[in-house]
Structure formats: structure tokens, C-alpha cells
Amino acid sequence: MFIGEYQHNIDNKGRLIIPSKLREGLGENFIMTKGLDNCLFVYSKSEWNILEEKLKSLPLTSRDARAFVRFFFSGATECELDKQGRILIPANLRNHSKLEKEAIIIGVGTRVEIWSKEEWDIYNEDDSLSYESIAEKMAELGI
């Protein structure tokens, strides 16, 4: 399970250090793709395979399903750690997530998310994001 929040800088070549605690769960090769809320989603190969099967089962006749599958798979790329524990984030994914210099890397259970520091700060300052009301909704789901 991925947990924690880490801050690292992206170098001028677009490389980012993945924290060692997260590297263990991701493995040597893993998948990164466009995420929701202007961030990137990063999955271990085993988690990606589970998600891929779920997405493949969505009805082709659903316009929303087709749009989501396109969004998710078109941005996907396989990542490999270099000897320093860094990955190269492709320009299209840096643009999607507005990553320039400072990055926030968070563990979110079954995935890792990579945020620009600015977008992470904006997300956390959102007044409509009431954790109390979200907790009430989770209680309705049995959590």
C-alpha cells in the first residue's frame, strides 16, 4: 500500500526522483498516465493489469466509457527507474499536470500520484473540499 507525501524537484531534463519507500511497491518498471484533478497516476504493473481488465470490460457503446478509456490509455507510458531512482516524465504528461520544477508525490493506497506543488496547494485550499462532508458521504458507502 502506498502512503505518505514527499516533495522533490524536477530537473531540467524532466526527471523526478521517486522516493525509496514508494519505489519498493512500484518495482523496476511501472505505468504512469494522465490522472484526474491535474495530476499523474502511477501504478505498479500488477495494479495496472487489474485496472486494464476493468477498463476493457466497459461497454463500447457508452460515450463516457470510450472517452475515459481514451484519456487514460493515450497518456500511459511505461517508466523505468535509473540508477539514482529517477524517472523521465514525458513532456505531454508534464504539460497535463502542469509540472515544472517542484513536485509533490503522494501515496494513495493502490497508486502513487504526482502533482505540481502549485496544483497540490490549490487542491488543498479548495473551500468546496470539506473533509467532514466527504467523510459523511464515505459513511453512506460503508467506509
N, C-alpha and C. Protein backbone atom coordinates (compact mmCIF):
# COMPACT_ATOMS: atom_id res chain seq x y z
N MET A 1 0.85 -1.18 0.00
CA MET A 1 0.00 0.00 0.00
C MET A 1 0.89 1.23 0.00
N PHE A 2 0.54 2.21 -0.83
CA PHE A 2 1.29 3.44 -0.94
C PHE A 2 0.71 4.50 -0.02
N ILE A 3 1.56 5.08 0.82
CA ILE A 3 1.14 6.15 1.73
C ILE A 3 2.24 7.20 1.80
N GLY A 4 1.89 8.38 2.27
CA GLY A 4 2.87 9.43 2.52
C GLY A 4 2.85 10.53 1.49
N GLU A 5 3.53 11.62 1.83
CA GLU A 5 3.65 12.78 0.96
C GLU A 5 5.12 13.20 0.93
N TYR A 6 5.63 13.42 -0.27
CA TYR A 6 7.04 13.74 -0.46
C TYR A 6 7.16 14.90 -1.45
N GLN A 7 8.20 15.70 -1.30
CA GLN A 7 8.43 16.80 -2.23
C GLN A 7 9.81 16.64 -2.84
N HIS A 8 9.87 16.73 -4.17
CA HIS A 8 11.13 16.67 -4.92
C HIS A 8 11.05 17.64 -6.08
N ASN A 9 12.21 18.00 -6.60
CA ASN A 9 12.26 18.88 -7.76
C ASN A 9 12.45 18.07 -9.03
N ILE A 10 11.89 18.58 -10.11
CA ILE A 10 12.10 18.01 -11.43
C ILE A 10 13.30 18.72 -12.04
N ASP A 11 14.24 17.95 -12.58
CA ASP A 11 15.41 18.59 -13.17
C ASP A 11 15.08 19.13 -14.56
N ASN A 12 16.04 19.81 -15.17
CA ASN A 12 15.78 20.46 -16.46
C ASN A 12 15.60 19.48 -17.61
N LYS A 13 15.84 18.19 -17.38
CA LYS A 13 15.60 17.17 -18.39
C LYS A 13 14.25 16.48 -18.20
N GLY A 14 13.50 16.89 -17.15
CA GLY A 14 12.19 16.29 -16.89
C GLY A 14 12.24 15.05 -16.03
N ARG A 15 13.34 14.87 -15.28
CA ARG A 15 13.48 13.69 -14.42
C ARG A 15 13.07 14.02 -12.99
N LEU A 16 12.47 13.04 -12.35
CA LEU A 16 11.97 13.19 -10.98
C LEU A 16 12.39 11.99 -10.16
N ILE A 17 12.89 12.23 -8.95
CA ILE A 17 13.23 11.15 -8.03
C ILE A 17 11.93 10.59 -7.44
N ILE A 18 11.81 9.27 -7.48
CA ILE A 18 10.70 8.59 -6.82
C ILE A 18 11.21 8.17 -5.44
N PRO A 19 10.54 8.58 -4.36
CA PRO A 19 11.01 8.24 -3.02
C PRO A 19 11.19 6.73 -2.85
N SER A 20 12.24 6.35 -2.13
CA SER A 20 12.57 4.92 -1.99
C SER A 20 11.43 4.11 -1.39
N LYS A 21 10.66 4.69 -0.47
CA LYS A 21 9.54 3.95 0.13
C LYS A 21 8.47 3.61 -0.91
N LEU A 22 8.33 4.44 -1.92
CA LEU A 22 7.35 4.17 -2.98
C LEU A 22 7.94 3.27 -4.06
N ARG A 23 9.24 3.37 -4.28
CA ARG A 23 9.90 2.54 -5.30
C ARG A 23 9.72 1.06 -5.03
N GLU A 24 9.77 0.69 -3.76
CA GLU A 24 9.65 -0.72 -3.39
C GLU A 24 8.35 -1.33 -3.92
N GLY A 25 7.26 -0.61 -3.77
CA GLY A 25 5.96 -1.12 -4.21
C GLY A 25 5.74 -1.03 -5.70
N LEU A 26 6.38 -0.06 -6.35
CA LEU A 26 6.21 0.11 -7.79
C LEU A 26 7.02 -0.89 -8.59
N GLY A 27 8.17 -1.28 -8.09
CA GLY A 27 9.05 -2.18 -8.83
C GLY A 27 9.93 -1.41 -9.80
N GLU A 28 10.71 -2.13 -10.58
CA GLU A 28 11.65 -1.51 -11.52
C GLU A 28 10.94 -0.85 -12.71
N ASN A 29 9.85 -1.45 -13.16
CA ASN A 29 9.06 -0.94 -14.28
C ASN A 29 7.63 -0.76 -13.82
N PHE A 30 7.03 0.34 -14.21
CA PHE A 30 5.65 0.62 -13.81
C PHE A 30 5.03 1.54 -14.84
N ILE A 31 3.75 1.85 -14.66
CA ILE A 31 2.99 2.63 -15.64
C ILE A 31 2.59 3.97 -15.04
N MET A 32 2.78 5.04 -15.83
CA MET A 32 2.34 6.38 -15.46
C MET A 32 1.37 6.86 -16.55
N THR A 33 0.32 7.55 -16.11
CA THR A 33 -0.66 8.06 -17.06
C THR A 33 -1.28 9.36 -16.55
N LYS A 34 -2.05 9.99 -17.41
CA LYS A 34 -2.79 11.18 -17.00
C LYS A 34 -3.75 10.81 -15.88
N GLY A 35 -3.78 11.63 -14.86
CA GLY A 35 -4.71 11.39 -13.77
C GLY A 35 -5.78 12.46 -13.76
N LEU A 36 -6.66 12.34 -12.81
CA LEU A 36 -7.72 13.32 -12.64
C LEU A 36 -7.21 14.46 -11.75
N ASP A 37 -7.88 15.56 -11.73
CA ASP A 37 -7.52 16.72 -10.89
C ASP A 37 -6.16 17.31 -11.25
N ASN A 38 -5.73 17.19 -12.50
CA ASN A 38 -4.46 17.75 -12.97
C ASN A 38 -3.23 17.12 -12.32
N CYS A 39 -3.29 15.83 -12.07
CA CYS A 39 -2.11 15.14 -11.55
C CYS A 39 -1.82 13.94 -12.44
N LEU A 40 -0.78 13.20 -12.11
CA LEU A 40 -0.44 11.97 -12.81
C LEU A 40 -0.71 10.79 -11.88
N PHE A 41 -1.18 9.69 -12.45
CA PHE A 41 -1.38 8.46 -11.70
C PHE A 41 -0.24 7.51 -12.06
N VAL A 42 0.30 6.83 -11.07
CA VAL A 42 1.38 5.87 -11.27
C VAL A 42 0.97 4.55 -10.64
N TYR A 43 1.06 3.47 -11.43
CA TYR A 43 0.61 2.15 -10.98
C TYR A 43 1.72 1.12 -11.13
N SER A 44 1.81 0.21 -10.18
CA SER A 44 2.68 -0.95 -10.36
C SER A 44 2.09 -1.75 -11.53
N LYS A 45 2.90 -2.63 -12.10
CA LYS A 45 2.40 -3.44 -13.23
C LYS A 45 1.20 -4.29 -12.80
N SER A 46 1.22 -4.84 -11.59
CA SER A 46 0.11 -5.69 -11.17
C SER A 46 -1.18 -4.88 -11.00
N GLU A 47 -1.08 -3.69 -10.41
CA GLU A 47 -2.27 -2.83 -10.26
C GLU A 47 -2.76 -2.35 -11.62
N TRP A 48 -1.84 -2.04 -12.52
CA TRP A 48 -2.22 -1.60 -13.86
C TRP A 48 -2.99 -2.71 -14.58
N ASN A 49 -2.54 -3.95 -14.44
CA ASN A 49 -3.22 -5.07 -15.10
C ASN A 49 -4.66 -5.22 -14.59
N ILE A 50 -4.86 -5.04 -13.29
CA ILE A 50 -6.21 -5.11 -12.71
C ILE A 50 -7.08 -4.00 -13.29
N LEU A 51 -6.55 -2.79 -13.32
CA LEU A 51 -7.29 -1.65 -13.85
C LEU A 51 -7.57 -1.82 -15.34
N GLU A 52 -6.59 -2.31 -16.07
CA GLU A 52 -6.75 -2.53 -17.51
C GLU A 52 -7.90 -3.49 -17.79
N GLU A 53 -8.00 -4.55 -17.02
CA GLU A 53 -9.10 -5.51 -17.20
C GLU A 53 -10.45 -4.86 -16.94
N LYS A 54 -10.52 -4.03 -15.91
CA LYS A 54 -11.77 -3.33 -15.60
C LYS A 54 -12.14 -2.38 -16.74
N LEU A 55 -11.17 -1.66 -17.26
CA LEU A 55 -11.46 -0.71 -18.33
C LEU A 55 -11.86 -1.43 -19.62
N LYS A 56 -11.26 -2.58 -19.87
CA LYS A 56 -11.61 -3.35 -21.07
C LYS A 56 -13.04 -3.86 -21.00
N SER A 57 -13.57 -4.02 -19.79
CA SER A 57 -14.92 -4.55 -19.65
C SER A 57 -16.00 -3.46 -19.78
N LEU A 58 -15.59 -2.20 -19.87
CA LEU A 58 -16.58 -1.13 -20.02
C LEU A 58 -17.28 -1.25 -21.37
N PRO A 59 -18.55 -0.87 -21.44
CA PRO A 59 -19.29 -1.02 -22.70
C PRO A 59 -18.80 -0.05 -23.77
N LEU A 60 -18.47 -0.59 -24.91
CA LEU A 60 -18.02 0.21 -26.05
C LEU A 60 -19.11 1.16 -26.53
N THR A 61 -20.33 0.86 -26.21
CA THR A 61 -21.45 1.69 -26.65
C THR A 61 -21.63 2.94 -25.79
N SER A 62 -20.93 3.01 -24.67
CA SER A 62 -21.04 4.17 -23.79
C SER A 62 -20.02 5.23 -24.19
N ARG A 63 -20.53 6.40 -24.55
CA ARG A 63 -19.66 7.51 -24.96
C ARG A 63 -18.69 7.91 -23.84
N ASP A 64 -19.21 7.99 -22.61
CA ASP A 64 -18.36 8.36 -21.46
C ASP A 64 -17.27 7.32 -21.23
N ALA A 65 -17.61 6.05 -21.35
CA ALA A 65 -16.63 4.98 -21.17
C ALA A 65 -15.53 5.09 -22.23
N ARG A 66 -15.91 5.30 -23.48
CA ARG A 66 -14.91 5.44 -24.55
C ARG A 66 -14.01 6.64 -24.29
N ALA A 67 -14.59 7.74 -23.86
CA ALA A 67 -13.81 8.96 -23.60
C ALA A 67 -12.82 8.73 -22.46
N PHE A 68 -13.26 8.07 -21.40
CA PHE A 68 -12.37 7.83 -20.27
C PHE A 68 -11.24 6.88 -20.65
N VAL A 69 -11.56 5.82 -21.38
CA VAL A 69 -10.53 4.86 -21.80
C VAL A 69 -9.51 5.55 -22.70
N ARG A 70 -9.96 6.40 -23.60
CA ARG A 70 -9.03 7.16 -24.47
C ARG A 70 -8.12 8.04 -23.63
N PHE A 71 -8.72 8.78 -22.71
CA PHE A 71 -7.97 9.69 -21.85
C PHE A 71 -6.90 8.91 -21.08
N PHE A 72 -7.30 7.79 -20.51
CA PHE A 72 -6.44 7.04 -19.62
C PHE A 72 -5.30 6.34 -20.37
N PHE A 73 -5.63 5.64 -21.47
CA PHE A 73 -4.62 4.88 -22.20
C PHE A 73 -3.75 5.74 -23.10
N SER A 74 -4.28 6.82 -23.64
CA SER A 74 -3.47 7.64 -24.55
C SER A 74 -2.31 8.31 -23.84
N GLY A 75 -2.46 8.57 -22.55
CA GLY A 75 -1.39 9.20 -21.80
C GLY A 75 -0.46 8.22 -21.12
N ALA A 76 -0.75 6.94 -21.21
CA ALA A 76 0.03 5.94 -20.47
C ALA A 76 1.40 5.72 -21.08
N THR A 77 2.37 5.57 -20.19
CA THR A 77 3.74 5.26 -20.61
C THR A 77 4.39 4.36 -19.58
N GLU A 78 5.24 3.47 -20.05
CA GLU A 78 5.97 2.61 -19.14
C GLU A 78 7.20 3.35 -18.64
N CYS A 79 7.42 3.32 -17.34
CA CYS A 79 8.55 4.01 -16.73
C CYS A 79 9.56 3.00 -16.20
N GLU A 80 10.81 3.42 -16.24
CA GLU A 80 11.88 2.61 -15.69
C GLU A 80 12.76 3.52 -14.85
N LEU A 81 13.10 3.07 -13.67
CA LEU A 81 13.95 3.84 -12.78
C LEU A 81 15.40 3.80 -13.27
N ASP A 82 16.08 4.95 -13.18
CA ASP A 82 17.51 4.93 -13.46
C ASP A 82 18.26 4.58 -12.17
N LYS A 83 19.58 4.59 -12.20
CA LYS A 83 20.37 4.18 -11.04
C LYS A 83 20.19 5.09 -9.84
N GLN A 84 19.74 6.33 -10.06
CA GLN A 84 19.50 7.27 -8.97
C GLN A 84 18.06 7.25 -8.48
N GLY A 85 17.25 6.35 -9.00
CA GLY A 85 15.85 6.25 -8.57
C GLY A 85 14.97 7.31 -9.22
N ARG A 86 15.37 7.79 -10.40
CA ARG A 86 14.60 8.83 -11.11
C ARG A 86 13.86 8.21 -12.28
N ILE A 87 12.78 8.91 -12.66
CA ILE A 87 12.06 8.58 -13.89
C ILE A 87 12.04 9.81 -14.77
N LEU A 88 11.92 9.59 -16.06
CA LEU A 88 11.76 10.68 -17.01
C LEU A 88 10.26 10.84 -17.27
N ILE A 89 9.74 12.02 -16.97
CA ILE A 89 8.32 12.28 -17.22
C ILE A 89 8.20 12.91 -18.60
N PRO A 90 7.51 12.26 -19.54
CA PRO A 90 7.38 12.81 -20.89
C PRO A 90 6.72 14.19 -20.88
N ALA A 91 7.06 14.99 -21.88
CA ALA A 91 6.56 16.37 -21.97
C ALA A 91 5.04 16.44 -21.95
N ASN A 92 4.36 15.51 -22.64
CA ASN A 92 2.89 15.56 -22.67
C ASN A 92 2.29 15.37 -21.27
N LEU A 93 2.93 14.54 -20.45
CA LEU A 93 2.42 14.33 -19.09
C LEU A 93 2.80 15.49 -18.17
N ARG A 94 3.98 16.08 -18.39
CA ARG A 94 4.34 17.27 -17.62
C ARG A 94 3.38 18.41 -17.93
N ASN A 95 3.01 18.55 -19.20
CA ASN A 95 2.05 19.59 -19.59
C ASN A 95 0.68 19.34 -18.98
N HIS A 96 0.21 18.10 -19.03
CA HIS A 96 -1.10 17.75 -18.47
C HIS A 96 -1.19 18.13 -17.00
N SER A 97 -0.13 17.83 -16.26
CA SER A 97 -0.15 18.03 -14.81
C SER A 97 0.48 19.35 -14.37
N LYS A 98 0.87 20.17 -15.34
CA LYS A 98 1.46 21.49 -15.07
C LYS A 98 2.73 21.40 -14.22
N LEU A 99 3.46 20.30 -14.41
CA LEU A 99 4.72 20.10 -13.68
C LEU A 99 5.83 20.92 -14.31
N GLU A 100 6.48 21.71 -13.50
CA GLU A 100 7.61 22.48 -13.99
C GLU A 100 8.85 22.24 -13.14
N LYS A 101 8.82 22.62 -11.88
CA LYS A 101 10.01 22.48 -11.02
C LYS A 101 9.71 21.65 -9.77
N GLU A 102 8.80 22.14 -8.92
CA GLU A 102 8.52 21.45 -7.67
C GLU A 102 7.38 20.45 -7.85
N ALA A 103 7.60 19.25 -7.35
CA ALA A 103 6.58 18.19 -7.45
C ALA A 103 6.27 17.63 -6.07
N ILE A 104 5.02 17.26 -5.91
CA ILE A 104 4.57 16.57 -4.71
C ILE A 104 4.21 15.15 -5.15
N ILE A 105 4.75 14.16 -4.45
CA ILE A 105 4.49 12.76 -4.75
C ILE A 105 3.76 12.19 -3.54
N ILE A 106 2.58 11.63 -3.78
CA ILE A 106 1.80 11.11 -2.65
C ILE A 106 1.42 9.65 -2.90
N GLY A 107 1.34 8.90 -1.81
CA GLY A 107 0.84 7.55 -1.88
C GLY A 107 -0.65 7.56 -1.61
N VAL A 108 -1.40 6.89 -2.48
CA VAL A 108 -2.87 6.88 -2.37
C VAL A 108 -3.36 5.44 -2.44
N GLY A 109 -2.91 4.62 -1.52
CA GLY A 109 -3.38 3.24 -1.48
C GLY A 109 -2.79 2.38 -2.58
N THR A 110 -3.52 2.21 -3.66
CA THR A 110 -3.10 1.32 -4.74
C THR A 110 -2.32 2.04 -5.83
N ARG A 111 -2.14 3.35 -5.70
CA ARG A 111 -1.41 4.10 -6.73
C ARG A 111 -0.61 5.22 -6.06
N VAL A 112 0.26 5.80 -6.87
CA VAL A 112 1.02 6.98 -6.49
C VAL A 112 0.51 8.11 -7.37
N GLU A 113 0.42 9.31 -6.82
CA GLU A 113 0.05 10.48 -7.61
C GLU A 113 1.20 11.47 -7.59
N ILE A 114 1.41 12.12 -8.73
CA ILE A 114 2.43 13.15 -8.86
C ILE A 114 1.73 14.46 -9.21
N TRP A 115 1.94 15.47 -8.39
CA TRP A 115 1.30 16.77 -8.54
C TRP A 115 2.35 17.86 -8.68
N SER A 116 2.03 18.92 -9.40
CA SER A 116 2.85 20.11 -9.29
C SER A 116 2.55 20.70 -7.92
N LYS A 117 3.53 21.32 -7.30
CA LYS A 117 3.31 21.89 -5.97
C LYS A 117 2.18 22.92 -6.02
N GLU A 118 2.14 23.72 -7.08
CA GLU A 118 1.10 24.74 -7.19
C GLU A 118 -0.30 24.12 -7.26
N GLU A 119 -0.45 23.08 -8.07
CA GLU A 119 -1.76 22.42 -8.19
C GLU A 119 -2.14 21.73 -6.89
N TRP A 120 -1.18 21.13 -6.19
CA TRP A 120 -1.45 20.48 -4.90
C TRP A 120 -1.93 21.52 -3.88
N ASP A 121 -1.26 22.67 -3.86
CA ASP A 121 -1.66 23.73 -2.94
C ASP A 121 -3.07 24.23 -3.26
N ILE A 122 -3.37 24.41 -4.53
CA ILE A 122 -4.71 24.86 -4.95
C ILE A 122 -5.75 23.82 -4.54
N TYR A 123 -5.46 22.55 -4.79
CA TYR A 123 -6.38 21.47 -4.44
C TYR A 123 -6.69 21.48 -2.94
N ASN A 124 -5.65 21.65 -2.13
CA ASN A 124 -5.83 21.60 -0.67
C ASN A 124 -6.47 22.86 -0.10
N GLU A 125 -6.47 23.95 -0.85
CA GLU A 125 -7.11 25.19 -0.40
C GLU A 125 -8.54 25.33 -0.88
N ASP A 126 -9.02 24.37 -1.66
CA ASP A 126 -10.36 24.42 -2.24
C ASP A 126 -11.41 24.42 -1.12
N ASP A 127 -12.16 25.50 -1.03
CA ASP A 127 -13.19 25.63 0.01
C ASP A 127 -14.31 24.60 -0.15
N SER A 128 -14.54 24.15 -1.38
CA SER A 128 -15.61 23.18 -1.59
C SER A 128 -15.19 21.78 -1.15
N LEU A 129 -13.93 21.61 -0.79
CA LEU A 129 -13.41 20.32 -0.36
C LEU A 129 -13.53 20.22 1.15
N SER A 130 -14.72 19.94 1.61
CA SER A 130 -14.98 19.80 3.03
C SER A 130 -14.80 18.34 3.43
N TYR A 131 -13.72 18.09 4.17
CA TYR A 131 -13.43 16.71 4.54
C TYR A 131 -14.50 16.11 5.43
N GLU A 132 -15.19 16.95 6.19
CA GLU A 132 -16.27 16.45 7.03
C GLU A 132 -17.43 15.93 6.18
N SER A 133 -17.80 16.70 5.15
CA SER A 133 -18.91 16.25 4.31
C SER A 133 -18.50 15.06 3.45
N ILE A 134 -17.22 15.02 3.04
CA ILE A 134 -16.74 13.86 2.30
C ILE A 134 -16.78 12.63 3.20
N ALA A 135 -16.40 12.78 4.46
CA ALA A 135 -16.43 11.66 5.41
C ALA A 135 -17.85 11.15 5.59
N GLU A 136 -18.82 12.09 5.63
CA GLU A 136 -20.22 11.67 5.75
C GLU A 136 -20.65 10.85 4.54
N LYS A 137 -20.22 11.26 3.35
CA LYS A 137 -20.56 10.51 2.13
C LYS A 137 -19.89 9.14 2.14
N MET A 138 -18.68 9.05 2.66
CA MET A 138 -17.99 7.75 2.75
C MET A 138 -18.72 6.84 3.72
N ALA A 139 -19.28 7.41 4.78
CA ALA A 139 -20.06 6.62 5.74
C ALA A 139 -21.27 6.00 5.05
N GLU A 140 -21.87 6.75 4.11
CA GLU A 140 -23.01 6.22 3.36
C GLU A 140 -22.59 5.02 2.51
N LEU A 141 -21.32 4.98 2.12
CA LEU A 141 -20.80 3.86 1.32
C LEU A 141 -20.29 2.72 2.20
N GLY A 142 -20.41 2.90 3.51
CA GLY A 142 -19.99 1.85 4.43
C GLY A 142 -18.52 1.92 4.82
N ILE A 143 -17.92 3.09 4.65
CA ILE A 143 -16.49 3.23 4.99
C ILE A 143 -16.35 4.08 6.24
